[in-house]
Amino acid sequence: MILFLIGVAAGIVSGMGIGGGTVLIPALVIFLNPRQQEAQGVNLLFFIPTAIIALIIHAKNKAIDFKLALPIIISGLVGAYLGSTLAICMPGNILKKLFGAFLLAIGLWEMLRKGRDEKA
């Protein structure tokens, strides 16, 4: 049951374009305790079908700028190769701390940015 609930929560967040890994990876690590590399690998596998569904829906609603997306996709492929190679070589506890720091930094940035947007 816990896997189902984690999947639904991560799927909702993923479909919104926020990134299901922000929910999926911490939930897997907290509730099921896999190695960090395994949690991130599951996240990548989870991402494929959820991204396809979200892509179809966003494309039908004409909410994708393909000219903008192409250079991001190409550079993202290079970054994915480099990042996954680095993650496999890195100790899990370091990877977990880096991921946590990344989530914290993004959360703080979003809180500060939204405050500036409301004032403007």
PDB file of N, CA and C in Angstrom:
ATOM      1  N   MET A   1       0.821  -1.195   0.000  1.00  0.00           N
ATOM      2  CA  MET A   1       0.000   0.000   0.000  1.00  0.00           C
ATOM      3  C   MET A   1       0.866   1.261   0.000  1.00  0.00           C
ATOM      4  N   ILE A   2       1.989   1.221   0.756  1.00  0.00           N
ATOM      5  CA  ILE A   2       2.854   2.397   0.823  1.00  0.00           C
ATOM      6  C   ILE A   2       3.438   2.726  -0.550  1.00  0.00           C
ATOM      7  N   LEU A   3       3.788   1.695  -1.318  1.00  0.00           N
ATOM      8  CA  LEU A   3       4.319   1.933  -2.661  1.00  0.00           C
ATOM      9  C   LEU A   3       3.280   2.602  -3.551  1.00  0.00           C
ATOM     10  N   PHE A   4       2.040   2.188  -3.439  1.00  0.00           N
ATOM     11  CA  PHE A   4       0.948   2.789  -4.214  1.00  0.00           C
ATOM     12  C   PHE A   4       0.787   4.265  -3.863  1.00  0.00           C
ATOM     13  N   LEU A   5       0.761   4.586  -2.583  1.00  0.00           N
ATOM     14  CA  LEU A   5       0.596   5.978  -2.150  1.00  0.00           C
ATOM     15  C   LEU A   5       1.775   6.841  -2.585  1.00  0.00           C
ATOM     16  N   ILE A   6       2.991   6.299  -2.468  1.00  0.00           N
ATOM     17  CA  ILE A   6       4.174   7.031  -2.923  1.00  0.00           C
ATOM     18  C   ILE A   6       4.072   7.290  -4.421  1.00  0.00           C
ATOM     19  N   GLY A   7       3.672   6.271  -5.180  1.00  0.00           N
ATOM     20  CA  GLY A   7       3.550   6.406  -6.629  1.00  0.00           C
ATOM     21  C   GLY A   7       2.517   7.435  -7.042  1.00  0.00           C
ATOM     22  N   VAL A   8       1.366   7.435  -6.373  1.00  0.00           N
ATOM     23  CA  VAL A   8       0.311   8.403  -6.703  1.00  0.00           C
ATOM     24  C   VAL A   8       0.779   9.828  -6.396  1.00  0.00           C
ATOM     25  N   ALA A   9       1.369  10.030  -5.222  1.00  0.00           N
ATOM     26  CA  ALA A   9       1.846  11.374  -4.852  1.00  0.00           C
ATOM     27  C   ALA A   9       2.922  11.854  -5.823  1.00  0.00           C
ATOM     28  N   ALA A  10       3.875  10.986  -6.132  1.00  0.00           N
ATOM     29  CA  ALA A  10       4.941  11.365  -7.063  1.00  0.00           C
ATOM     30  C   ALA A  10       4.388  11.590  -8.464  1.00  0.00           C
ATOM     31  N   GLY A  11       3.402  10.812  -8.870  1.00  0.00           N
ATOM     32  CA  GLY A  11       2.792  10.983 -10.186  1.00  0.00           C
ATOM     33  C   GLY A  11       2.069  12.305 -10.316  1.00  0.00           C
ATOM     34  N   ILE A  12       1.350  12.704  -9.282  1.00  0.00           N
ATOM     35  CA  ILE A  12       0.646  13.992  -9.306  1.00  0.00           C
ATOM     36  C   ILE A  12       1.646  15.135  -9.431  1.00  0.00           C
ATOM     37  N   VAL A  13       2.683  15.099  -8.620  1.00  0.00           N
ATOM     38  CA  VAL A  13       3.699  16.152  -8.661  1.00  0.00           C
ATOM     39  C   VAL A  13       4.414  16.148 -10.005  1.00  0.00           C
ATOM     40  N   SER A  14       4.709  14.967 -10.523  1.00  0.00           N
ATOM     41  CA  SER A  14       5.382  14.842 -11.817  1.00  0.00           C
ATOM     42  C   SER A  14       4.520  15.388 -12.944  1.00  0.00           C
ATOM     43  N   GLY A  15       3.241  15.075 -12.934  1.00  0.00           N
ATOM     44  CA  GLY A  15       2.328  15.564 -13.963  1.00  0.00           C
ATOM     45  C   GLY A  15       2.183  17.072 -13.954  1.00  0.00           C
ATOM     46  N   MET A  16       2.393  17.679 -12.811  1.00  0.00           N
ATOM     47  CA  MET A  16       2.332  19.135 -12.703  1.00  0.00           C
ATOM     48  C   MET A  16       3.610  19.784 -13.219  1.00  0.00           C
ATOM     49  N   GLY A  17       4.625  18.967 -13.512  1.00  0.00           N
ATOM     50  CA  GLY A  17       5.883  19.499 -14.031  1.00  0.00           C
ATOM     51  C   GLY A  17       6.869  19.897 -12.957  1.00  0.00           C
ATOM     52  N   ILE A  18       6.583  19.538 -11.731  1.00  0.00           N
ATOM     53  CA  ILE A  18       7.449  19.921 -10.622  1.00  0.00           C
ATOM     54  C   ILE A  18       8.622  18.956 -10.496  1.00  0.00           C
ATOM     55  N   GLY A  19       8.392  17.705 -10.798  1.00  0.00           N
ATOM     56  CA  GLY A  19       9.433  16.689 -10.683  1.00  0.00           C
ATOM     57  C   GLY A  19       9.065  15.693  -9.609  1.00  0.00           C
ATOM     58  N   GLY A  20       8.646  14.527 -10.039  1.00  0.00           N
ATOM     59  CA  GLY A  20       8.219  13.497  -9.099  1.00  0.00           C
ATOM     60  C   GLY A  20       9.312  13.029  -8.170  1.00  0.00           C
ATOM     61  N   GLY A  21      10.567  13.199  -8.582  1.00  0.00           N
ATOM     62  CA  GLY A  21      11.689  12.767  -7.748  1.00  0.00           C
ATOM     63  C   GLY A  21      11.777  13.516  -6.435  1.00  0.00           C
ATOM     64  N   THR A  22      11.221  14.732  -6.389  1.00  0.00           N
ATOM     65  CA  THR A  22      11.236  15.484  -5.143  1.00  0.00           C
ATOM     66  C   THR A  22      10.381  14.807  -4.076  1.00  0.00           C
ATOM     67  N   VAL A  23       9.419  14.014  -4.509  1.00  0.00           N
ATOM     68  CA  VAL A  23       8.587  13.235  -3.587  1.00  0.00           C
ATOM     69  C   VAL A  23       9.065  11.792  -3.532  1.00  0.00           C
ATOM     70  N   LEU A  24       9.318  11.214  -4.689  1.00  0.00           N
ATOM     71  CA  LEU A  24       9.613   9.789  -4.789  1.00  0.00           C
ATOM     72  C   LEU A  24      10.901   9.385  -4.080  1.00  0.00           C
ATOM     73  N   ILE A  25      11.988  10.081  -4.328  1.00  0.00           N
ATOM     74  CA  ILE A  25      13.270   9.686  -3.748  1.00  0.00           C
ATOM     75  C   ILE A  25      13.254   9.775  -2.221  1.00  0.00           C
ATOM     76  N   PRO A  26      12.854  10.916  -1.625  1.00  0.00           N
ATOM     77  CA  PRO A  26      12.807  10.942  -0.159  1.00  0.00           C
ATOM     78  C   PRO A  26      11.844   9.904   0.426  1.00  0.00           C
ATOM     79  N   ALA A  27      10.690   9.697  -0.219  1.00  0.00           N
ATOM     80  CA  ALA A  27       9.725   8.725   0.298  1.00  0.00           C
ATOM     81  C   ALA A  27      10.301   7.313   0.266  1.00  0.00           C
ATOM     82  N   LEU A  28      10.957   6.961  -0.826  1.00  0.00           N
ATOM     83  CA  LEU A  28      11.578   5.634  -0.897  1.00  0.00           C
ATOM     84  C   LEU A  28      12.638   5.459   0.180  1.00  0.00           C
ATOM     85  N   VAL A  29      13.489   6.478   0.340  1.00  0.00           N
ATOM     86  CA  VAL A  29      14.578   6.390   1.316  1.00  0.00           C
ATOM     87  C   VAL A  29      14.028   6.313   2.738  1.00  0.00           C
ATOM     88  N   ILE A  30      13.005   7.106   3.035  1.00  0.00           N
ATOM     89  CA  ILE A  30      12.446   7.127   4.394  1.00  0.00           C
ATOM     90  C   ILE A  30      11.681   5.847   4.722  1.00  0.00           C
ATOM     91  N   PHE A  31      10.805   5.403   3.806  1.00  0.00           N
ATOM     92  CA  PHE A  31       9.910   4.295   4.119  1.00  0.00           C
ATOM     93  C   PHE A  31      10.454   2.917   3.748  1.00  0.00           C
ATOM     94  N   LEU A  32      11.320   2.827   2.737  1.00  0.00           N
ATOM     95  CA  LEU A  32      11.778   1.515   2.273  1.00  0.00           C
ATOM     96  C   LEU A  32      13.276   1.302   2.425  1.00  0.00           C
ATOM     97  N   ASN A  33      14.020   2.368   2.667  1.00  0.00           N
ATOM     98  CA  ASN A  33      15.444   2.331   2.968  1.00  0.00           C
ATOM     99  C   ASN A  33      16.328   1.643   1.924  1.00  0.00           C
ATOM    100  N   PRO A  34      16.143   1.933   0.622  1.00  0.00           N
ATOM    101  CA  PRO A  34      17.098   1.398  -0.358  1.00  0.00           C
ATOM    102  C   PRO A  34      18.366   2.255  -0.345  1.00  0.00           C
ATOM    103  N   ARG A  35      19.404   1.805  -1.035  1.00  0.00           N
ATOM    104  CA  ARG A  35      20.577   2.655  -1.219  1.00  0.00           C
ATOM    105  C   ARG A  35      20.137   3.876  -2.019  1.00  0.00           C
ATOM    106  N   GLN A  36      20.817   4.988  -1.830  1.00  0.00           N
ATOM    107  CA  GLN A  36      20.456   6.227  -2.530  1.00  0.00           C
ATOM    108  C   GLN A  36      20.500   6.033  -4.041  1.00  0.00           C
ATOM    109  N   GLN A  37      21.509   5.324  -4.547  1.00  0.00           N
ATOM    110  CA  GLN A  37      21.616   5.084  -5.985  1.00  0.00           C
ATOM    111  C   GLN A  37      20.417   4.285  -6.500  1.00  0.00           C
ATOM    112  N   GLU A  38      19.932   3.322  -5.709  1.00  0.00           N
ATOM    113  CA  GLU A  38      18.758   2.535  -6.108  1.00  0.00           C
ATOM    114  C   GLU A  38      17.501   3.407  -6.138  1.00  0.00           C
ATOM    115  N   ALA A  39      17.345   4.273  -5.140  1.00  0.00           N
ATOM    116  CA  ALA A  39      16.183   5.172  -5.107  1.00  0.00           C
ATOM    117  C   ALA A  39      16.198   6.095  -6.326  1.00  0.00           C
ATOM    118  N   GLN A  40      17.355   6.592  -6.680  1.00  0.00           N
ATOM    119  CA  GLN A  40      17.452   7.473  -7.833  1.00  0.00           C
ATOM    120  C   GLN A  40      17.233   6.693  -9.131  1.00  0.00           C
ATOM    121  N   GLY A  41      17.681   5.451  -9.179  1.00  0.00           N
ATOM    122  CA  GLY A  41      17.431   4.616 -10.350  1.00  0.00           C
ATOM    123  C   GLY A  41      15.953   4.314 -10.525  1.00  0.00           C
ATOM    124  N   VAL A  42      15.265   4.014  -9.422  1.00  0.00           N
ATOM    125  CA  VAL A  42      13.815   3.787  -9.476  1.00  0.00           C
ATOM    126  C   VAL A  42      13.119   5.057  -9.958  1.00  0.00           C
ATOM    127  N   ASN A  43      13.580   6.205  -9.468  1.00  0.00           N
ATOM    128  CA  ASN A  43      13.002   7.477  -9.902  1.00  0.00           C
ATOM    129  C   ASN A  43      13.140   7.655 -11.409  1.00  0.00           C
ATOM    130  N   LEU A  44      14.287   7.308 -11.956  1.00  0.00           N
ATOM    131  CA  LEU A  44      14.488   7.466 -13.393  1.00  0.00           C
ATOM    132  C   LEU A  44      13.577   6.534 -14.188  1.00  0.00           C
ATOM    133  N   LEU A  45      13.405   5.326 -13.692  1.00  0.00           N
ATOM    134  CA  LEU A  45      12.509   4.381 -14.359  1.00  0.00           C
ATOM    135  C   LEU A  45      11.055   4.834 -14.243  1.00  0.00           C
ATOM    136  N   PHE A  46      10.680   5.374 -13.088  1.00  0.00           N
ATOM    137  CA  PHE A  46       9.344   5.921 -12.851  1.00  0.00           C
ATOM    138  C   PHE A  46       9.069   7.086 -13.802  1.00  0.00           C
ATOM    139  N   PHE A  47      10.110   7.858 -14.086  1.00  0.00           N
ATOM    140  CA  PHE A  47       9.963   9.076 -14.866  1.00  0.00           C
ATOM    141  C   PHE A  47       9.525   8.810 -16.309  1.00  0.00           C
ATOM    142  N   ILE A  48       9.973   7.720 -16.902  1.00  0.00           N
ATOM    143  CA  ILE A  48       9.697   7.475 -18.326  1.00  0.00           C
ATOM    144  C   ILE A  48       8.197   7.421 -18.625  1.00  0.00           C
ATOM    145  N   PRO A  49       7.424   6.512 -18.024  1.00  0.00           N
ATOM    146  CA  PRO A  49       5.993   6.476 -18.369  1.00  0.00           C
ATOM    147  C   PRO A  49       5.224   7.709 -17.896  1.00  0.00           C
ATOM    148  N   THR A  50       5.594   8.260 -16.729  1.00  0.00           N
ATOM    149  CA  THR A  50       4.869   9.444 -16.268  1.00  0.00           C
ATOM    150  C   THR A  50       5.165  10.642 -17.160  1.00  0.00           C
ATOM    151  N   ALA A  51       6.390  10.754 -17.643  1.00  0.00           N
ATOM    152  CA  ALA A  51       6.739  11.849 -18.550  1.00  0.00           C
ATOM    153  C   ALA A  51       6.013  11.713 -19.881  1.00  0.00           C
ATOM    154  N   ILE A  52       5.862  10.494 -20.369  1.00  0.00           N
ATOM    155  CA  ILE A  52       5.150  10.280 -21.637  1.00  0.00           C
ATOM    156  C   ILE A  52       3.696  10.725 -21.512  1.00  0.00           C
ATOM    157  N   ILE A  53       3.037  10.338 -20.441  1.00  0.00           N
ATOM    158  CA  ILE A  53       1.639  10.733 -20.224  1.00  0.00           C
ATOM    159  C   ILE A  53       1.525  12.258 -20.105  1.00  0.00           C
ATOM    160  N   ALA A  54       2.391  12.861 -19.286  1.00  0.00           N
ATOM    161  CA  ALA A  54       2.351  14.312 -19.111  1.00  0.00           C
ATOM    162  C   ALA A  54       2.662  15.027 -20.423  1.00  0.00           C
ATOM    163  N   LEU A  55       3.603  14.500 -21.202  1.00  0.00           N
ATOM    164  CA  LEU A  55       3.960  15.102 -22.490  1.00  0.00           C
ATOM    165  C   LEU A  55       2.775  15.086 -23.451  1.00  0.00           C
ATOM    166  N   ILE A  56       2.080  13.975 -23.512  1.00  0.00           N
ATOM    167  CA  ILE A  56       0.905  13.869 -24.385  1.00  0.00           C
ATOM    168  C   ILE A  56      -0.147  14.911 -23.997  1.00  0.00           C
ATOM    169  N   ILE A  57      -0.430  15.025 -22.718  1.00  0.00           N
ATOM    170  CA  ILE A  57      -1.446  15.973 -22.247  1.00  0.00           C
ATOM    171  C   ILE A  57      -1.025  17.414 -22.519  1.00  0.00           C
ATOM    172  N   HIS A  58       0.240  17.741 -22.215  1.00  0.00           N
ATOM    173  CA  HIS A  58       0.711  19.111 -22.452  1.00  0.00           C
ATOM    174  C   HIS A  58       0.771  19.430 -23.945  1.00  0.00           C
ATOM    175  N   ALA A  59       1.147  18.458 -24.769  1.00  0.00           N
ATOM    176  CA  ALA A  59       1.197  18.676 -26.221  1.00  0.00           C
ATOM    177  C   ALA A  59      -0.212  18.903 -26.778  1.00  0.00           C
ATOM    178  N   LYS A  60      -1.183  18.125 -26.309  1.00  0.00           N
ATOM    179  CA  LYS A  60      -2.568  18.319 -26.758  1.00  0.00           C
ATOM    180  C   LYS A  60      -3.071  19.711 -26.413  1.00  0.00           C
ATOM    181  N   ASN A  61      -2.624  20.246 -25.296  1.00  0.00           N
ATOM    182  CA  ASN A  61      -3.043  21.581 -24.857  1.00  0.00           C
ATOM    183  C   ASN A  61      -2.132  22.679 -25.394  1.00  0.00           C
ATOM    184  N   LYS A  62      -1.236  22.306 -26.307  1.00  0.00           N
ATOM    185  CA  LYS A  62      -0.314  23.265 -26.934  1.00  0.00           C
ATOM    186  C   LYS A  62       0.467  24.058 -25.889  1.00  0.00           C
ATOM    187  N   ALA A  63       0.948  23.371 -24.875  1.00  0.00           N
ATOM    188  CA  ALA A  63       1.682  24.005 -23.783  1.00  0.00           C
ATOM    189  C   ALA A  63       3.178  23.685 -23.838  1.00  0.00           C
ATOM    190  N   ILE A  64       3.695  23.388 -25.035  1.00  0.00           N
ATOM    191  CA  ILE A  64       5.110  23.063 -25.178  1.00  0.00           C
ATOM    192  C   ILE A  64       5.703  23.904 -26.299  1.00  0.00           C
ATOM    193  N   ASP A  65       6.800  24.568 -26.021  1.00  0.00           N
ATOM    194  CA  ASP A  65       7.554  25.311 -27.029  1.00  0.00           C
ATOM    195  C   ASP A  65       8.715  24.415 -27.451  1.00  0.00           C
ATOM    196  N   PHE A  66       8.540  23.715 -28.576  1.00  0.00           N
ATOM    197  CA  PHE A  66       9.536  22.737 -29.003  1.00  0.00           C
ATOM    198  C   PHE A  66      10.866  23.375 -29.391  1.00  0.00           C
ATOM    199  N   LYS A  67      10.848  24.620 -29.887  1.00  0.00           N
ATOM    200  CA  LYS A  67      12.105  25.312 -30.196  1.00  0.00           C
ATOM    201  C   LYS A  67      12.909  25.572 -28.922  1.00  0.00           C
ATOM    202  N   LEU A  68      12.221  25.892 -27.865  1.00  0.00           N
ATOM    203  CA  LEU A  68      12.868  26.108 -26.575  1.00  0.00           C
ATOM    204  C   LEU A  68      13.348  24.783 -25.986  1.00  0.00           C
ATOM    205  N   ALA A  69      12.569  23.729 -26.188  1.00  0.00           N
ATOM    206  CA  ALA A  69      12.868  22.437 -25.571  1.00  0.00           C
ATOM    207  C   ALA A  69      14.068  21.726 -26.193  1.00  0.00           C
ATOM    208  N   LEU A  70      14.281  21.850 -27.492  1.00  0.00           N
ATOM    209  CA  LEU A  70      15.316  21.070 -28.169  1.00  0.00           C
ATOM    210  C   LEU A  70      16.722  21.281 -27.602  1.00  0.00           C
ATOM    211  N   PRO A  71      17.212  22.508 -27.450  1.00  0.00           N
ATOM    212  CA  PRO A  71      18.553  22.653 -26.886  1.00  0.00           C
ATOM    213  C   PRO A  71      18.648  22.178 -25.436  1.00  0.00           C
ATOM    214  N   ILE A  72      17.553  22.309 -24.698  1.00  0.00           N
ATOM    215  CA  ILE A  72      17.539  21.836 -23.314  1.00  0.00           C
ATOM    216  C   ILE A  72      17.610  20.314 -23.289  1.00  0.00           C
ATOM    217  N   ILE A  73      16.895  19.665 -24.189  1.00  0.00           N
ATOM    218  CA  ILE A  73      16.919  18.199 -24.271  1.00  0.00           C
ATOM    219  C   ILE A  73      18.320  17.706 -24.604  1.00  0.00           C
ATOM    220  N   ILE A  74      18.949  18.315 -25.597  1.00  0.00           N
ATOM    221  CA  ILE A  74      20.277  17.874 -26.023  1.00  0.00           C
ATOM    222  C   ILE A  74      21.296  18.056 -24.892  1.00  0.00           C
ATOM    223  N   SER A  75      21.311  19.219 -24.280  1.00  0.00           N
ATOM    224  CA  SER A  75      22.262  19.430 -23.181  1.00  0.00           C
ATOM    225  C   SER A  75      21.889  18.585 -21.969  1.00  0.00           C
ATOM    226  N   GLY A  76      20.598  18.330 -21.765  1.00  0.00           N
ATOM    227  CA  GLY A  76      20.163  17.467 -20.667  1.00  0.00           C
ATOM    228  C   GLY A  76      20.636  16.034 -20.824  1.00  0.00           C
ATOM    229  N   LEU A  77      20.685  15.549 -22.061  1.00  0.00           N
ATOM    230  CA  LEU A  77      21.201  14.194 -22.304  1.00  0.00           C
ATOM    231  C   LEU A  77      22.669  14.088 -21.904  1.00  0.00           C
ATOM    232  N   VAL A  78      23.441  15.108 -22.252  1.00  0.00           N
ATOM    233  CA  VAL A  78      24.851  15.126 -21.858  1.00  0.00           C
ATOM    234  C   VAL A  78      24.960  15.170 -20.333  1.00  0.00           C
ATOM    235  N   GLY A  79      24.186  16.054 -19.710  1.00  0.00           N
ATOM    236  CA  GLY A  79      24.195  16.163 -18.255  1.00  0.00           C
ATOM    237  C   GLY A  79      23.736  14.886 -17.559  1.00  0.00           C
ATOM    238  N   ALA A  80      22.753  14.200 -18.138  1.00  0.00           N
ATOM    239  CA  ALA A  80      22.271  12.945 -17.549  1.00  0.00           C
ATOM    240  C   ALA A  80      23.354  11.881 -17.567  1.00  0.00           C
ATOM    241  N   TYR A  81      24.088  11.808 -18.661  1.00  0.00           N
ATOM    242  CA  TYR A  81      25.184  10.841 -18.735  1.00  0.00           C
ATOM    243  C   TYR A  81      26.248  11.159 -17.686  1.00  0.00           C
ATOM    244  N   LEU A  82      26.657  12.413 -17.624  1.00  0.00           N
ATOM    245  CA  LEU A  82      27.691  12.805 -16.662  1.00  0.00           C
ATOM    246  C   LEU A  82      27.214  12.614 -15.215  1.00  0.00           C
ATOM    247  N   GLY A  83      25.988  13.035 -14.938  1.00  0.00           N
ATOM    248  CA  GLY A  83      25.454  12.923 -13.580  1.00  0.00           C
ATOM    249  C   GLY A  83      25.271  11.489 -13.123  1.00  0.00           C
ATOM    250  N   SER A  84      24.764  10.623 -14.006  1.00  0.00           N
ATOM    251  CA  SER A  84      24.570   9.221 -13.605  1.00  0.00           C
ATOM    252  C   SER A  84      25.914   8.521 -13.423  1.00  0.00           C
ATOM    253  N   THR A  85      26.888   8.850 -14.244  1.00  0.00           N
ATOM    254  CA  THR A  85      28.224   8.276 -14.071  1.00  0.00           C
ATOM    255  C   THR A  85      28.816   8.710 -12.738  1.00  0.00           C
ATOM    256  N   LEU A  86      28.657   9.975 -12.399  1.00  0.00           N
ATOM    257  CA  LEU A  86      29.150  10.489 -11.124  1.00  0.00           C
ATOM    258  C   LEU A  86      28.406   9.860  -9.941  1.00  0.00           C
ATOM    259  N   ALA A  87      27.082   9.727 -10.046  1.00  0.00           N
ATOM    260  CA  ALA A  87      26.278   9.189  -8.947  1.00  0.00           C
ATOM    261  C   ALA A  87      26.639   7.736  -8.631  1.00  0.00           C
ATOM    262  N   ILE A  88      26.940   6.951  -9.651  1.00  0.00           N
ATOM    263  CA  ILE A  88      27.298   5.549  -9.428  1.00  0.00           C
ATOM    264  C   ILE A  88      28.633   5.434  -8.706  1.00  0.00           C
ATOM    265  N   CYS A  89      29.544   6.356  -8.981  1.00  0.00           N
ATOM    266  CA  CYS A  89      30.880   6.322  -8.368  1.00  0.00           C
ATOM    267  C   CYS A  89      30.904   6.929  -6.969  1.00  0.00           C
ATOM    268  N   MET A  90      29.877   7.662  -6.600  1.00  0.00           N
ATOM    269  CA  MET A  90      29.859   8.408  -5.344  1.00  0.00           C
ATOM    270  C   MET A  90      29.278   7.562  -4.211  1.00  0.00           C
ATOM    271  N   PRO A  91      29.829   7.677  -3.003  1.00  0.00           N
ATOM    272  CA  PRO A  91      29.233   6.970  -1.855  1.00  0.00           C
ATOM    273  C   PRO A  91      27.791   7.437  -1.622  1.00  0.00           C
ATOM    274  N   GLY A  92      26.913   6.500  -1.252  1.00  0.00           N
ATOM    275  CA  GLY A  92      25.498   6.796  -1.072  1.00  0.00           C
ATOM    276  C   GLY A  92      25.217   7.880  -0.054  1.00  0.00           C
ATOM    277  N   ASN A  93      25.975   7.904   1.042  1.00  0.00           N
ATOM    278  CA  ASN A  93      25.706   8.912   2.069  1.00  0.00           C
ATOM    279  C   ASN A  93      26.038  10.323   1.563  1.00  0.00           C
ATOM    280  N   ILE A  94      27.056  10.466   0.749  1.00  0.00           N
ATOM    281  CA  ILE A  94      27.389  11.772   0.163  1.00  0.00           C
ATOM    282  C   ILE A  94      26.307  12.178  -0.843  1.00  0.00           C
ATOM    283  N   LEU A  95      25.892  11.224  -1.663  1.00  0.00           N
ATOM    284  CA  LEU A  95      24.855  11.486  -2.657  1.00  0.00           C
ATOM    285  C   LEU A  95      23.550  11.908  -1.982  1.00  0.00           C
ATOM    286  N   LYS A  96      23.209  11.246  -0.885  1.00  0.00           N
ATOM    287  CA  LYS A  96      21.991  11.578  -0.140  1.00  0.00           C
ATOM    288  C   LYS A  96      22.070  13.004   0.410  1.00  0.00           C
ATOM    289  N   LYS A  97      23.229  13.385   0.946  1.00  0.00           N
ATOM    290  CA  LYS A  97      23.399  14.735   1.482  1.00  0.00           C
ATOM    291  C   LYS A  97      23.339  15.785   0.378  1.00  0.00           C
ATOM    292  N   LEU A  98      23.955  15.503  -0.761  1.00  0.00           N
ATOM    293  CA  LEU A  98      23.900  16.435  -1.883  1.00  0.00           C
ATOM    294  C   LEU A  98      22.469  16.617  -2.388  1.00  0.00           C
ATOM    295  N   PHE A  99      21.717  15.507  -2.463  1.00  0.00           N
ATOM    296  CA  PHE A  99      20.325  15.587  -2.909  1.00  0.00           C
ATOM    297  C   PHE A  99      19.494  16.396  -1.913  1.00  0.00           C
ATOM    298  N   GLY A 100      19.702  16.167  -0.623  1.00  0.00           N
ATOM    299  CA  GLY A 100      18.989  16.930   0.400  1.00  0.00           C
ATOM    300  C   GLY A 100      19.316  18.416   0.339  1.00  0.00           C
ATOM    301  N   ALA A 101      20.587  18.743   0.151  1.00  0.00           N
ATOM    302  CA  ALA A 101      20.998  20.141   0.039  1.00  0.00           C
ATOM    303  C   ALA A 101      20.377  20.782  -1.201  1.00  0.00           C
ATOM    304  N   PHE A 102      20.320  20.028  -2.296  1.00  0.00           N
ATOM    305  CA  PHE A 102      19.698  20.532  -3.517  1.00  0.00           C
ATOM    306  C   PHE A 102      18.221  20.846  -3.279  1.00  0.00           C
ATOM    307  N   LEU A 103      17.488  19.917  -2.653  1.00  0.00           N
ATOM    308  CA  LEU A 103      16.065  20.160  -2.376  1.00  0.00           C
ATOM    309  C   LEU A 103      15.873  21.362  -1.457  1.00  0.00           C
ATOM    310  N   LEU A 104      16.732  21.483  -0.452  1.00  0.00           N
ATOM    311  CA  LEU A 104      16.648  22.615   0.465  1.00  0.00           C
ATOM    312  C   LEU A 104      16.903  23.928  -0.274  1.00  0.00           C
ATOM    313  N   ALA A 105      17.928  23.958  -1.111  1.00  0.00           N
ATOM    314  CA  ALA A 105      18.259  25.170  -1.859  1.00  0.00           C
ATOM    315  C   ALA A 105      17.118  25.565  -2.792  1.00  0.00           C
ATOM    316  N   ILE A 106      16.548  24.592  -3.486  1.00  0.00           N
ATOM    317  CA  ILE A 106      15.433  24.885  -4.394  1.00  0.00           C
ATOM    318  C   ILE A 106      14.224  25.393  -3.606  1.00  0.00           C
ATOM    319  N   GLY A 107      13.942  24.774  -2.472  1.00  0.00           N
ATOM    320  CA  GLY A 107      12.818  25.217  -1.642  1.00  0.00           C
ATOM    321  C   GLY A 107      13.002  26.640  -1.141  1.00  0.00           C
ATOM    322  N   LEU A 108      14.199  26.954  -0.675  1.00  0.00           N
ATOM    323  CA  LEU A 108      14.475  28.314  -0.214  1.00  0.00           C
ATOM    324  C   LEU A 108      14.378  29.317  -1.362  1.00  0.00           C
ATOM    325  N   TRP A 109      14.921  28.954  -2.502  1.00  0.00           N
ATOM    326  CA  TRP A 109      14.860  29.844  -3.659  1.00  0.00           C
ATOM    327  C   TRP A 109      13.411  30.114  -4.052  1.00  0.00           C
ATOM    328  N   GLU A 110      12.595  29.073  -4.060  1.00  0.00           N
ATOM    329  CA  GLU A 110      11.180  29.240  -4.415  1.00  0.00           C
ATOM    330  C   GLU A 110      10.463  30.144  -3.410  1.00  0.00           C
ATOM    331  N   MET A 111      10.750  29.971  -2.122  1.00  0.00           N
ATOM    332  CA  MET A 111      10.099  30.817  -1.115  1.00  0.00           C
ATOM    333  C   MET A 111      10.502  32.280  -1.291  1.00  0.00           C
ATOM    334  N   LEU A 112      11.770  32.518  -1.521  1.00  0.00           N
ATOM    335  CA  LEU A 112      12.246  33.886  -1.674  1.00  0.00           C
ATOM    336  C   LEU A 112      11.764  34.502  -2.981  1.00  0.00           C
ATOM    337  N   ARG A 113      11.758  33.719  -4.044  1.00  0.00           N
ATOM    338  CA  ARG A 113      11.321  34.213  -5.356  1.00  0.00           C
ATOM    339  C   ARG A 113       9.842  34.565  -5.330  1.00  0.00           C
ATOM    340  N   LYS A 114       9.040  33.746  -4.702  1.00  0.00           N
ATOM    341  CA  LYS A 114       7.599  34.003  -4.667  1.00  0.00           C
ATOM    342  C   LYS A 114       7.298  35.274  -3.885  1.00  0.00           C
ATOM    343  N   GLY A 115       8.067  35.519  -2.845  1.00  0.00           N
ATOM    344  CA  GLY A 115       7.877  36.744  -2.100  1.00  0.00           C
ATOM    345  C   GLY A 115       8.155  37.967  -2.942  1.00  0.00           C
ATOM    346  N   ARG A 116       9.171  37.899  -3.799  1.00  0.00           N
ATOM    347  CA  ARG A 116       9.495  39.005  -4.697  1.00  0.00           C
ATOM    348  C   ARG A 116       8.425  39.175  -5.771  1.00  0.00           C
ATOM    349  N   ASP A 117       7.878  38.054  -6.257  1.00  0.00           N
ATOM    350  CA  ASP A 117       6.846  38.118  -7.299  1.00  0.00           C
ATOM    351  C   ASP A 117       5.571  38.790  -6.780  1.00  0.00           C
ATOM    352  N   GLU A 118       5.218  38.511  -5.517  1.00  0.00           N
ATOM    353  CA  GLU A 118       3.997  39.094  -4.950  1.00  0.00           C
ATOM    354  C   GLU A 118       4.138  40.598  -4.725  1.00  0.00           C
ATOM    355  N   LYS A 119       5.351  41.075  -4.419  1.00  0.00           N
ATOM    356  CA  LYS A 119       5.586  42.501  -4.173  1.00  0.00           C
ATOM    357  C   LYS A 119       5.528  43.286  -5.477  1.00  0.00           C
ATOM    358  N   ALA A 120       5.900  42.654  -6.571  1.00  0.00           N
ATOM    359  CA  ALA A 120       5.974  43.375  -7.861  1.00  0.00           C
ATOM    360  C   ALA A 120       4.646  43.610  -8.497  1.00  0.00           C
TER     361      ALA A 120
END
